[in-house]
Amino acid sequence: MAELIPFSQALRERTRTVHEQSEGATFMQDLMSGKGSREDYIHLLTQHWYIYDALEEAAGWLADDPVATLFISPKLTRLPAIEADLEFLIGTDWRDRVTALPSTLRYTARIREVGSTWPGGFVAHHYTRYLGDLSGGQIIRTLLQRQYGFETNGVGFYLFNDIAKPKVFKDVYRAQLDSVDWTDDERDRVIAEVALAFRFNTQLFDDLAASKAAAA
Protein backbone atom coordinates (compact mmCIF):
# COMPACT_ATOMS: atom_id res chain seq x y z
CA MET A 1 0.00 0.00 0.00
CA ALA A 2 1.34 3.43 -0.88
CA GLU A 3 2.62 5.69 1.88
CA LEU A 4 -0.08 8.02 3.22
CA ILE A 5 2.58 10.41 4.45
CA PRO A 6 5.78 11.62 2.74
CA PHE A 7 8.54 9.04 2.79
CA SER A 8 10.93 11.36 4.64
CA GLN A 9 8.36 11.72 7.41
CA ALA A 10 7.77 7.97 7.60
CA LEU A 11 11.53 7.46 7.71
CA ARG A 12 11.93 9.88 10.59
CA GLU A 13 9.00 8.48 12.56
CA ARG A 14 9.85 4.82 12.11
CA THR A 15 13.47 5.30 13.20
CA ARG A 16 12.80 7.71 16.06
CA THR A 17 13.32 5.14 18.82
CA VAL A 18 16.72 3.90 17.62
CA HIS A 19 17.73 7.49 16.88
CA GLU A 20 16.93 8.55 20.43
CA GLN A 21 18.77 5.54 21.82
CA SER A 22 21.86 6.59 19.88
CA GLU A 23 21.63 10.21 21.02
CA GLY A 24 21.16 9.07 24.61
CA ALA A 25 24.30 6.92 24.73
CA THR A 26 26.28 7.61 27.90
CA PHE A 27 29.48 8.47 26.03
CA MET A 28 27.80 11.25 24.06
CA GLN A 29 25.82 12.51 27.04
CA ASP A 30 29.07 12.83 29.00
CA LEU A 31 30.82 14.58 26.15
CA MET A 32 28.00 17.07 25.70
CA SER A 33 27.53 17.77 29.41
CA GLY A 34 31.18 18.51 30.10
CA LYS A 35 31.86 15.22 31.88
CA GLY A 36 33.89 14.01 28.93
CA SER A 37 37.35 15.15 27.92
CA ARG A 38 39.19 16.57 24.95
CA GLU A 39 40.66 13.09 24.45
CA ASP A 40 37.16 11.61 24.30
CA TYR A 41 36.33 13.97 21.45
CA ILE A 42 39.55 13.06 19.64
CA HIS A 43 38.71 9.36 19.92
CA LEU A 44 35.23 10.00 18.52
CA LEU A 45 36.57 12.09 15.65
CA THR A 46 39.12 9.39 14.86
CA GLN A 47 36.34 6.84 14.38
CA HIS A 48 34.49 9.33 12.21
CA TRP A 49 37.51 9.47 9.93
CA TYR A 50 37.16 5.76 9.18
CA ILE A 51 33.40 6.08 8.72
CA TYR A 52 33.55 9.03 6.33
CA ASP A 53 36.42 7.48 4.41
CA ALA A 54 34.13 4.53 3.68
CA LEU A 55 31.08 6.69 2.97
CA GLU A 56 32.83 9.09 0.62
CA GLU A 57 34.60 6.22 -1.13
CA ALA A 58 31.18 4.68 -1.76
CA ALA A 59 29.93 8.04 -3.04
CA GLY A 60 32.64 7.89 -5.66
CA TRP A 61 31.52 4.44 -6.74
CA LEU A 62 27.92 5.62 -7.09
CA ALA A 63 28.56 8.99 -8.69
CA ASP A 64 26.74 7.91 -11.85
CA ASP A 65 23.87 6.10 -10.17
CA PRO A 66 20.58 7.92 -10.95
CA VAL A 67 19.30 7.64 -7.37
CA ALA A 68 22.48 8.12 -5.35
CA THR A 69 23.53 11.13 -7.41
CA LEU A 70 20.46 13.03 -6.17
CA PHE A 71 22.05 13.13 -2.72
CA ILE A 72 25.79 13.21 -3.35
CA SER A 73 27.16 16.75 -3.14
CA PRO A 74 30.68 18.14 -2.73
CA LYS A 75 29.15 20.60 -0.25
CA LEU A 76 28.75 17.71 2.18
CA THR A 77 32.24 16.22 1.85
CA ARG A 78 33.72 15.84 5.34
CA LEU A 79 36.94 13.85 4.97
CA PRO A 80 39.37 16.76 4.31
CA ALA A 81 37.96 18.66 7.30
CA ILE A 82 38.27 15.63 9.58
CA GLU A 83 41.87 15.11 8.49
CA ALA A 84 42.70 18.77 9.15
CA ASP A 85 41.08 18.50 12.57
CA LEU A 86 43.05 15.37 13.45
CA GLU A 87 46.31 17.00 12.37
CA PHE A 88 45.50 19.95 14.61
CA LEU A 89 44.44 17.78 17.56
CA ILE A 90 46.98 14.94 17.35
CA GLY A 91 49.82 16.06 15.10
CA THR A 92 51.10 15.49 11.59
CA ASP A 93 51.70 11.82 12.36
CA TRP A 94 48.07 11.21 13.38
CA ARG A 95 47.60 8.45 10.80
CA ASP A 96 50.21 6.35 12.60
CA ARG A 97 48.51 6.87 15.95
CA VAL A 98 44.86 6.00 15.29
CA THR A 99 43.04 2.67 15.36
CA ALA A 100 39.54 1.65 14.32
CA LEU A 101 37.37 0.14 17.03
CA PRO A 102 35.56 -3.17 16.35
CA SER A 103 32.20 -1.42 15.97
CA THR A 104 33.76 1.00 13.48
CA LEU A 105 35.10 -1.88 11.41
CA ARG A 106 31.63 -3.44 11.29
CA TYR A 107 30.07 -0.11 10.42
CA THR A 108 32.49 0.69 7.60
CA ALA A 109 32.23 -2.84 6.21
CA ARG A 110 28.47 -2.40 5.94
CA ILE A 111 28.81 1.00 4.25
CA ARG A 112 31.19 -0.47 1.66
CA GLU A 113 28.94 -3.48 1.15
CA VAL A 114 25.85 -1.43 0.33
CA GLY A 115 27.93 1.14 -1.54
CA SER A 116 29.02 -1.56 -3.96
CA THR A 117 25.73 -3.44 -4.23
CA TRP A 118 22.70 -1.35 -3.21
CA PRO A 119 22.20 2.38 -3.87
CA GLY A 120 19.20 2.57 -1.53
CA GLY A 121 21.32 1.26 1.31
CA PHE A 122 24.00 3.83 0.55
CA VAL A 123 21.37 6.60 0.66
CA ALA A 124 20.25 5.30 4.06
CA HIS A 125 23.74 5.74 5.51
CA HIS A 126 24.25 9.03 3.68
CA TYR A 127 21.02 10.40 5.14
CA THR A 128 21.83 9.20 8.66
CA ARG A 129 25.25 10.81 8.76
CA TYR A 130 24.99 14.05 6.79
CA LEU A 131 21.56 15.23 7.89
CA GLY A 132 22.65 14.49 11.44
CA ASP A 133 25.77 16.59 10.89
CA LEU A 134 23.66 19.48 9.61
CA SER A 135 21.24 19.20 12.53
CA GLY A 136 22.46 17.97 15.92
CA GLY A 137 26.05 18.27 14.77
CA GLN A 138 25.79 22.04 14.93
CA ILE A 139 24.76 21.87 18.57
CA ILE A 140 27.68 19.53 19.26
CA ARG A 141 30.08 21.98 17.60
CA THR A 142 28.88 24.87 19.76
CA LEU A 143 29.25 22.83 22.95
CA LEU A 144 32.74 21.65 21.97
CA GLN A 145 33.83 25.20 21.19
CA ARG A 146 32.56 26.35 24.57
CA GLN A 147 34.07 23.49 26.56
CA TYR A 148 37.47 23.15 24.91
CA GLY A 149 38.11 26.63 23.53
CA PHE A 150 38.02 25.60 19.88
CA GLU A 151 37.41 28.29 17.28
CA THR A 152 37.40 26.57 13.89
CA ASN A 153 40.51 24.41 14.15
CA GLY A 154 39.48 21.10 15.70
CA VAL A 155 35.80 21.38 14.80
CA GLY A 156 36.05 21.86 11.05
CA PHE A 157 34.17 18.60 10.68
CA TYR A 158 31.02 20.40 11.82
CA LEU A 159 31.51 23.49 9.65
CA PHE A 160 29.68 23.47 6.32
CA ASN A 161 31.00 26.64 4.77
CA ASP A 162 29.46 25.89 1.38
CA ILE A 163 25.95 25.50 2.77
CA ALA A 164 24.70 28.97 3.63
CA LYS A 165 21.25 27.84 4.76
CA PRO A 166 21.29 24.34 6.29
CA LYS A 167 17.51 24.26 6.77
CA VAL A 168 16.91 24.92 3.09
CA PHE A 169 19.47 22.27 2.14
CA LYS A 170 17.83 19.73 4.45
CA ASP A 171 14.37 20.55 3.09
CA VAL A 172 15.57 19.94 -0.46
CA TYR A 173 17.23 16.70 0.63
CA ARG A 174 14.00 15.44 2.20
CA ALA A 175 12.03 16.45 -0.90
CA GLN A 176 14.44 14.37 -2.97
CA LEU A 177 13.85 11.41 -0.65
CA ASP A 178 10.13 11.83 -1.21
CA SER A 179 10.58 12.00 -4.98
CA VAL A 180 12.53 8.76 -5.46
CA ASP A 181 10.32 6.18 -7.16
CA TRP A 182 11.02 3.33 -4.78
CA THR A 183 8.53 0.53 -4.26
CA ASP A 184 6.97 0.15 -0.82
CA ASP A 185 9.23 -2.86 -0.20
CA GLU A 186 12.31 -0.87 -1.14
CA ARG A 187 11.25 1.99 1.12
CA ASP A 188 10.89 -0.49 3.97
CA ARG A 189 14.40 -1.78 3.24
CA VAL A 190 15.83 1.75 3.28
CA ILE A 191 14.10 2.53 6.58
CA ALA A 192 15.47 -0.69 8.08
CA GLU A 193 18.97 0.29 6.91
CA VAL A 194 18.66 3.72 8.54
CA ALA A 195 17.70 1.96 11.78
CA LEU A 196 20.76 -0.26 11.37
CA ALA A 197 22.96 2.81 10.88
CA PHE A 198 21.69 4.28 14.15
CA ARG A 199 22.43 0.99 15.90
CA PHE A 200 25.97 1.07 14.51
CA ASN A 201 26.32 4.53 16.02
CA THR A 202 25.11 3.32 19.39
CA GLN A 203 27.54 0.40 19.28
CA LEU A 204 30.34 2.84 18.47
CA PHE A 205 29.49 4.99 21.48
CA ASP A 206 29.42 1.88 23.66
CA ASP A 207 32.81 0.84 22.30
CA LEU A 208 34.23 4.27 23.01
CA ALA A 209 32.93 4.15 26.57
CA ALA A 210 34.37 0.67 27.09
CA SER A 211 37.74 1.70 25.66
CA LYS A 212 37.82 4.72 27.96
CA ALA A 213 36.97 2.60 30.99
CA ALA A 214 39.66 0.08 30.12
CA ALA A 215 42.27 2.81 29.77
CA ALA A 216 41.31 4.22 33.16
C-alpha atoms as a PDB file:
ATOM      1  CA  MET A   1       0.000   0.000   0.000  1.00  0.00           C
ATOM      2  CA  ALA A   2       1.343   3.432  -0.879  1.00  0.00           C
ATOM      3  CA  GLU A   3       2.621   5.694   1.878  1.00  0.00           C
ATOM      4  CA  LEU A   4      -0.080   8.016   3.225  1.00  0.00           C
ATOM      5  CA  ILE A   5       2.581  10.410   4.447  1.00  0.00           C
ATOM      6  CA  PRO A   6       5.784  11.622   2.739  1.00  0.00           C
ATOM      7  CA  PHE A   7       8.542   9.039   2.789  1.00  0.00           C
ATOM      8  CA  SER A   8      10.930  11.359   4.635  1.00  0.00           C
ATOM      9  CA  GLN A   9       8.362  11.717   7.411  1.00  0.00           C
ATOM     10  CA  ALA A  10       7.774   7.965   7.599  1.00  0.00           C
ATOM     11  CA  LEU A  11      11.531   7.463   7.706  1.00  0.00           C
ATOM     12  CA  ARG A  12      11.933   9.876  10.588  1.00  0.00           C
ATOM     13  CA  GLU A  13       8.998   8.480  12.563  1.00  0.00           C
ATOM     14  CA  ARG A  14       9.855   4.820  12.107  1.00  0.00           C
ATOM     15  CA  THR A  15      13.471   5.300  13.200  1.00  0.00           C
ATOM     16  CA  ARG A  16      12.801   7.709  16.064  1.00  0.00           C
ATOM     17  CA  THR A  17      13.316   5.141  18.819  1.00  0.00           C
ATOM     18  CA  VAL A  18      16.723   3.901  17.624  1.00  0.00           C
ATOM     19  CA  HIS A  19      17.732   7.493  16.877  1.00  0.00           C
ATOM     20  CA  GLU A  20      16.927   8.552  20.429  1.00  0.00           C
ATOM     21  CA  GLN A  21      18.771   5.544  21.820  1.00  0.00           C
ATOM     22  CA  SER A  22      21.865   6.586  19.882  1.00  0.00           C
ATOM     23  CA  GLU A  23      21.632  10.206  21.018  1.00  0.00           C
ATOM     24  CA  GLY A  24      21.156   9.070  24.607  1.00  0.00           C
ATOM     25  CA  ALA A  25      24.297   6.921  24.726  1.00  0.00           C
ATOM     26  CA  THR A  26      26.276   7.608  27.904  1.00  0.00           C
ATOM     27  CA  PHE A  27      29.482   8.471  26.035  1.00  0.00           C
ATOM     28  CA  MET A  28      27.801  11.249  24.063  1.00  0.00           C
ATOM     29  CA  GLN A  29      25.822  12.509  27.041  1.00  0.00           C
ATOM     30  CA  ASP A  30      29.065  12.829  29.005  1.00  0.00           C
ATOM     31  CA  LEU A  31      30.824  14.577  26.146  1.00  0.00           C
ATOM     32  CA  MET A  32      28.005  17.072  25.698  1.00  0.00           C
ATOM     33  CA  SER A  33      27.530  17.771  29.411  1.00  0.00           C
ATOM     34  CA  GLY A  34      31.182  18.509  30.099  1.00  0.00           C
ATOM     35  CA  LYS A  35      31.863  15.216  31.877  1.00  0.00           C
ATOM     36  CA  GLY A  36      33.891  14.008  28.927  1.00  0.00           C
ATOM     37  CA  SER A  37      37.349  15.148  27.920  1.00  0.00           C
ATOM     38  CA  ARG A  38      39.185  16.565  24.954  1.00  0.00           C
ATOM     39  CA  GLU A  39      40.661  13.094  24.447  1.00  0.00           C
ATOM     40  CA  ASP A  40      37.164  11.614  24.303  1.00  0.00           C
ATOM     41  CA  TYR A  41      36.327  13.975  21.455  1.00  0.00           C
ATOM     42  CA  ILE A  42      39.549  13.063  19.643  1.00  0.00           C
ATOM     43  CA  HIS A  43      38.714   9.362  19.916  1.00  0.00           C
ATOM     44  CA  LEU A  44      35.231  10.005  18.518  1.00  0.00           C
ATOM     45  CA  LEU A  45      36.575  12.088  15.645  1.00  0.00           C
ATOM     46  CA  THR A  46      39.122   9.386  14.859  1.00  0.00           C
ATOM     47  CA  GLN A  47      36.337   6.844  14.380  1.00  0.00           C
ATOM     48  CA  HIS A  48      34.490   9.334  12.210  1.00  0.00           C
ATOM     49  CA  TRP A  49      37.508   9.465   9.931  1.00  0.00           C
ATOM     50  CA  TYR A  50      37.163   5.757   9.182  1.00  0.00           C
ATOM     51  CA  ILE A  51      33.398   6.078   8.718  1.00  0.00           C
ATOM     52  CA  TYR A  52      33.549   9.026   6.330  1.00  0.00           C
ATOM     53  CA  ASP A  53      36.421   7.480   4.415  1.00  0.00           C
ATOM     54  CA  ALA A  54      34.127   4.528   3.675  1.00  0.00           C
ATOM     55  CA  LEU A  55      31.077   6.690   2.968  1.00  0.00           C
ATOM     56  CA  GLU A  56      32.827   9.085   0.620  1.00  0.00           C
ATOM     57  CA  GLU A  57      34.599   6.220  -1.126  1.00  0.00           C
ATOM     58  CA  ALA A  58      31.178   4.676  -1.760  1.00  0.00           C
ATOM     59  CA  ALA A  59      29.927   8.038  -3.036  1.00  0.00           C
ATOM     60  CA  GLY A  60      32.643   7.888  -5.663  1.00  0.00           C
ATOM     61  CA  TRP A  61      31.520   4.435  -6.736  1.00  0.00           C
ATOM     62  CA  LEU A  62      27.916   5.616  -7.088  1.00  0.00           C
ATOM     63  CA  ALA A  63      28.563   8.995  -8.690  1.00  0.00           C
ATOM     64  CA  ASP A  64      26.743   7.911 -11.849  1.00  0.00           C
ATOM     65  CA  ASP A  65      23.873   6.099 -10.173  1.00  0.00           C
ATOM     66  CA  PRO A  66      20.577   7.916 -10.953  1.00  0.00           C
ATOM     67  CA  VAL A  67      19.296   7.638  -7.375  1.00  0.00           C
ATOM     68  CA  ALA A  68      22.478   8.116  -5.351  1.00  0.00           C
ATOM     69  CA  THR A  69      23.534  11.128  -7.414  1.00  0.00           C
ATOM     70  CA  LEU A  70      20.461  13.026  -6.167  1.00  0.00           C
ATOM     71  CA  PHE A  71      22.051  13.129  -2.719  1.00  0.00           C
ATOM     72  CA  ILE A  72      25.793  13.213  -3.350  1.00  0.00           C
ATOM     73  CA  SER A  73      27.158  16.752  -3.143  1.00  0.00           C
ATOM     74  CA  PRO A  74      30.679  18.141  -2.727  1.00  0.00           C
ATOM     75  CA  LYS A  75      29.149  20.599  -0.251  1.00  0.00           C
ATOM     76  CA  LEU A  76      28.751  17.714   2.181  1.00  0.00           C
ATOM     77  CA  THR A  77      32.242  16.222   1.854  1.00  0.00           C
ATOM     78  CA  ARG A  78      33.722  15.841   5.344  1.00  0.00           C
ATOM     79  CA  LEU A  79      36.940  13.854   4.969  1.00  0.00           C
ATOM     80  CA  PRO A  80      39.369  16.759   4.310  1.00  0.00           C
ATOM     81  CA  ALA A  81      37.960  18.660   7.302  1.00  0.00           C
ATOM     82  CA  ILE A  82      38.274  15.634   9.580  1.00  0.00           C
ATOM     83  CA  GLU A  83      41.872  15.112   8.487  1.00  0.00           C
ATOM     84  CA  ALA A  84      42.701  18.768   9.147  1.00  0.00           C
ATOM     85  CA  ASP A  85      41.075  18.503  12.574  1.00  0.00           C
ATOM     86  CA  LEU A  86      43.047  15.375  13.447  1.00  0.00           C
ATOM     87  CA  GLU A  87      46.306  16.999  12.371  1.00  0.00           C
ATOM     88  CA  PHE A  88      45.496  19.954  14.614  1.00  0.00           C
ATOM     89  CA  LEU A  89      44.436  17.783  17.557  1.00  0.00           C
ATOM     90  CA  ILE A  90      46.984  14.945  17.351  1.00  0.00           C
ATOM     91  CA  GLY A  91      49.820  16.060  15.098  1.00  0.00           C
ATOM     92  CA  THR A  92      51.096  15.492  11.592  1.00  0.00           C
ATOM     93  CA  ASP A  93      51.696  11.823  12.364  1.00  0.00           C
ATOM     94  CA  TRP A  94      48.075  11.212  13.379  1.00  0.00           C
ATOM     95  CA  ARG A  95      47.599   8.446  10.803  1.00  0.00           C
ATOM     96  CA  ASP A  96      50.208   6.352  12.604  1.00  0.00           C
ATOM     97  CA  ARG A  97      48.506   6.874  15.954  1.00  0.00           C
ATOM     98  CA  VAL A  98      44.862   6.001  15.288  1.00  0.00           C
ATOM     99  CA  THR A  99      43.041   2.671  15.358  1.00  0.00           C
ATOM    100  CA  ALA A 100      39.544   1.653  14.321  1.00  0.00           C
ATOM    101  CA  LEU A 101      37.368   0.140  17.026  1.00  0.00           C
ATOM    102  CA  PRO A 102      35.558  -3.174  16.348  1.00  0.00           C
ATOM    103  CA  SER A 103      32.204  -1.415  15.974  1.00  0.00           C
ATOM    104  CA  THR A 104      33.756   0.998  13.478  1.00  0.00           C
ATOM    105  CA  LEU A 105      35.095  -1.884  11.411  1.00  0.00           C
ATOM    106  CA  ARG A 106      31.626  -3.439  11.287  1.00  0.00           C
ATOM    107  CA  TYR A 107      30.068  -0.109  10.417  1.00  0.00           C
ATOM    108  CA  THR A 108      32.490   0.693   7.599  1.00  0.00           C
ATOM    109  CA  ALA A 109      32.235  -2.840   6.215  1.00  0.00           C
ATOM    110  CA  ARG A 110      28.467  -2.401   5.937  1.00  0.00           C
ATOM    111  CA  ILE A 111      28.810   0.996   4.246  1.00  0.00           C
ATOM    112  CA  ARG A 112      31.191  -0.471   1.664  1.00  0.00           C
ATOM    113  CA  GLU A 113      28.944  -3.482   1.146  1.00  0.00           C
ATOM    114  CA  VAL A 114      25.846  -1.430   0.326  1.00  0.00           C
ATOM    115  CA  GLY A 115      27.927   1.136  -1.536  1.00  0.00           C
ATOM    116  CA  SER A 116      29.016  -1.557  -3.964  1.00  0.00           C
ATOM    117  CA  THR A 117      25.733  -3.436  -4.228  1.00  0.00           C
ATOM    118  CA  TRP A 118      22.702  -1.349  -3.214  1.00  0.00           C
ATOM    119  CA  PRO A 119      22.202   2.385  -3.874  1.00  0.00           C
ATOM    120  CA  GLY A 120      19.205   2.573  -1.532  1.00  0.00           C
ATOM    121  CA  GLY A 121      21.320   1.264   1.311  1.00  0.00           C
ATOM    122  CA  PHE A 122      24.001   3.834   0.555  1.00  0.00           C
ATOM    123  CA  VAL A 123      21.373   6.597   0.661  1.00  0.00           C
ATOM    124  CA  ALA A 124      20.245   5.303   4.062  1.00  0.00           C
ATOM    125  CA  HIS A 125      23.743   5.741   5.513  1.00  0.00           C
ATOM    126  CA  HIS A 126      24.255   9.033   3.675  1.00  0.00           C
ATOM    127  CA  TYR A 127      21.018  10.398   5.140  1.00  0.00           C
ATOM    128  CA  THR A 128      21.832   9.204   8.657  1.00  0.00           C
ATOM    129  CA  ARG A 129      25.254  10.813   8.764  1.00  0.00           C
ATOM    130  CA  TYR A 130      24.995  14.055   6.793  1.00  0.00           C
ATOM    131  CA  LEU A 131      21.562  15.227   7.887  1.00  0.00           C
ATOM    132  CA  GLY A 132      22.647  14.494  11.440  1.00  0.00           C
ATOM    133  CA  ASP A 133      25.772  16.586  10.890  1.00  0.00           C
ATOM    134  CA  LEU A 134      23.658  19.477   9.607  1.00  0.00           C
ATOM    135  CA  SER A 135      21.240  19.201  12.528  1.00  0.00           C
ATOM    136  CA  GLY A 136      22.456  17.975  15.920  1.00  0.00           C
ATOM    137  CA  GLY A 137      26.054  18.269  14.768  1.00  0.00           C
ATOM    138  CA  GLN A 138      25.790  22.042  14.926  1.00  0.00           C
ATOM    139  CA  ILE A 139      24.764  21.867  18.575  1.00  0.00           C
ATOM    140  CA  ILE A 140      27.681  19.530  19.263  1.00  0.00           C
ATOM    141  CA  ARG A 141      30.077  21.982  17.598  1.00  0.00           C
ATOM    142  CA  THR A 142      28.880  24.871  19.762  1.00  0.00           C
ATOM    143  CA  LEU A 143      29.254  22.826  22.948  1.00  0.00           C
ATOM    144  CA  LEU A 144      32.744  21.653  21.975  1.00  0.00           C
ATOM    145  CA  GLN A 145      33.830  25.196  21.192  1.00  0.00           C
ATOM    146  CA  ARG A 146      32.563  26.352  24.566  1.00  0.00           C
ATOM    147  CA  GLN A 147      34.074  23.490  26.562  1.00  0.00           C
ATOM    148  CA  TYR A 148      37.475  23.154  24.913  1.00  0.00           C
ATOM    149  CA  GLY A 149      38.115  26.626  23.534  1.00  0.00           C
ATOM    150  CA  PHE A 150      38.020  25.602  19.880  1.00  0.00           C
ATOM    151  CA  GLU A 151      37.410  28.285  17.277  1.00  0.00           C
ATOM    152  CA  THR A 152      37.399  26.572  13.887  1.00  0.00           C
ATOM    153  CA  ASN A 153      40.509  24.407  14.153  1.00  0.00           C
ATOM    154  CA  GLY A 154      39.480  21.101  15.705  1.00  0.00           C
ATOM    155  CA  VAL A 155      35.799  21.380  14.805  1.00  0.00           C
ATOM    156  CA  GLY A 156      36.049  21.862  11.048  1.00  0.00           C
ATOM    157  CA  PHE A 157      34.168  18.600  10.684  1.00  0.00           C
ATOM    158  CA  TYR A 158      31.020  20.397  11.822  1.00  0.00           C
ATOM    159  CA  LEU A 159      31.512  23.493   9.652  1.00  0.00           C
ATOM    160  CA  PHE A 160      29.681  23.467   6.318  1.00  0.00           C
ATOM    161  CA  ASN A 161      31.003  26.645   4.771  1.00  0.00           C
ATOM    162  CA  ASP A 162      29.464  25.889   1.375  1.00  0.00           C
ATOM    163  CA  ILE A 163      25.955  25.497   2.773  1.00  0.00           C
ATOM    164  CA  ALA A 164      24.698  28.973   3.631  1.00  0.00           C
ATOM    165  CA  LYS A 165      21.248  27.840   4.757  1.00  0.00           C
ATOM    166  CA  PRO A 166      21.292  24.341   6.294  1.00  0.00           C
ATOM    167  CA  LYS A 167      17.506  24.257   6.770  1.00  0.00           C
ATOM    168  CA  VAL A 168      16.914  24.924   3.090  1.00  0.00           C
ATOM    169  CA  PHE A 169      19.473  22.274   2.143  1.00  0.00           C
ATOM    170  CA  LYS A 170      17.827  19.726   4.448  1.00  0.00           C
ATOM    171  CA  ASP A 171      14.366  20.553   3.094  1.00  0.00           C
ATOM    172  CA  VAL A 172      15.572  19.937  -0.460  1.00  0.00           C
ATOM    173  CA  TYR A 173      17.235  16.698   0.630  1.00  0.00           C
ATOM    174  CA  ARG A 174      14.002  15.443   2.199  1.00  0.00           C
ATOM    175  CA  ALA A 175      12.033  16.446  -0.900  1.00  0.00           C
ATOM    176  CA  GLN A 176      14.443  14.371  -2.970  1.00  0.00           C
ATOM    177  CA  LEU A 177      13.852  11.407  -0.653  1.00  0.00           C
ATOM    178  CA  ASP A 178      10.127  11.832  -1.207  1.00  0.00           C
ATOM    179  CA  SER A 179      10.576  11.996  -4.978  1.00  0.00           C
ATOM    180  CA  VAL A 180      12.526   8.756  -5.457  1.00  0.00           C
ATOM    181  CA  ASP A 181      10.320   6.176  -7.165  1.00  0.00           C
ATOM    182  CA  TRP A 182      11.024   3.326  -4.779  1.00  0.00           C
ATOM    183  CA  THR A 183       8.526   0.530  -4.261  1.00  0.00           C
ATOM    184  CA  ASP A 184       6.975   0.148  -0.824  1.00  0.00           C
ATOM    185  CA  ASP A 185       9.230  -2.864  -0.203  1.00  0.00           C
ATOM    186  CA  GLU A 186      12.315  -0.867  -1.135  1.00  0.00           C
ATOM    187  CA  ARG A 187      11.254   1.987   1.124  1.00  0.00           C
ATOM    188  CA  ASP A 188      10.887  -0.491   3.971  1.00  0.00           C
ATOM    189  CA  ARG A 189      14.400  -1.783   3.243  1.00  0.00           C
ATOM    190  CA  VAL A 190      15.825   1.751   3.282  1.00  0.00           C
ATOM    191  CA  ILE A 191      14.097   2.530   6.581  1.00  0.00           C
ATOM    192  CA  ALA A 192      15.474  -0.688   8.076  1.00  0.00           C
ATOM    193  CA  GLU A 193      18.966   0.290   6.912  1.00  0.00           C
ATOM    194  CA  VAL A 194      18.664   3.716   8.543  1.00  0.00           C
ATOM    195  CA  ALA A 195      17.702   1.963  11.779  1.00  0.00           C
ATOM    196  CA  LEU A 196      20.758  -0.256  11.370  1.00  0.00           C
ATOM    197  CA  ALA A 197      22.961   2.811  10.882  1.00  0.00           C
ATOM    198  CA  PHE A 198      21.686   4.277  14.147  1.00  0.00           C
ATOM    199  CA  ARG A 199      22.427   0.986  15.901  1.00  0.00           C
ATOM    200  CA  PHE A 200      25.966   1.067  14.512  1.00  0.00           C
ATOM    201  CA  ASN A 201      26.323   4.529  16.017  1.00  0.00           C
ATOM    202  CA  THR A 202      25.106   3.318  19.390  1.00  0.00           C
ATOM    203  CA  GLN A 203      27.537   0.396  19.278  1.00  0.00           C
ATOM    204  CA  LEU A 204      30.337   2.839  18.473  1.00  0.00           C
ATOM    205  CA  PHE A 205      29.487   4.993  21.480  1.00  0.00           C
ATOM    206  CA  ASP A 206      29.415   1.880  23.657  1.00  0.00           C
ATOM    207  CA  ASP A 207      32.812   0.838  22.300  1.00  0.00           C
ATOM    208  CA  LEU A 208      34.229   4.273  23.011  1.00  0.00           C
ATOM    209  CA  ALA A 209      32.930   4.149  26.575  1.00  0.00           C
ATOM    210  CA  ALA A 210      34.366   0.669  27.090  1.00  0.00           C
ATOM    211  CA  SER A 211      37.738   1.701  25.665  1.00  0.00           C
ATOM    212  CA  LYS A 212      37.816   4.719  27.961  1.00  0.00           C
ATOM    213  CA  ALA A 213      36.967   2.596  30.988  1.00  0.00           C
ATOM    214  CA  ALA A 214      39.662   0.076  30.122  1.00  0.00           C
ATOM    215  CA  ALA A 215      42.268   2.811  29.769  1.00  0.00           C
ATOM    216  CA  ALA A 216      41.311   4.223  33.162  1.00  0.00           C
END
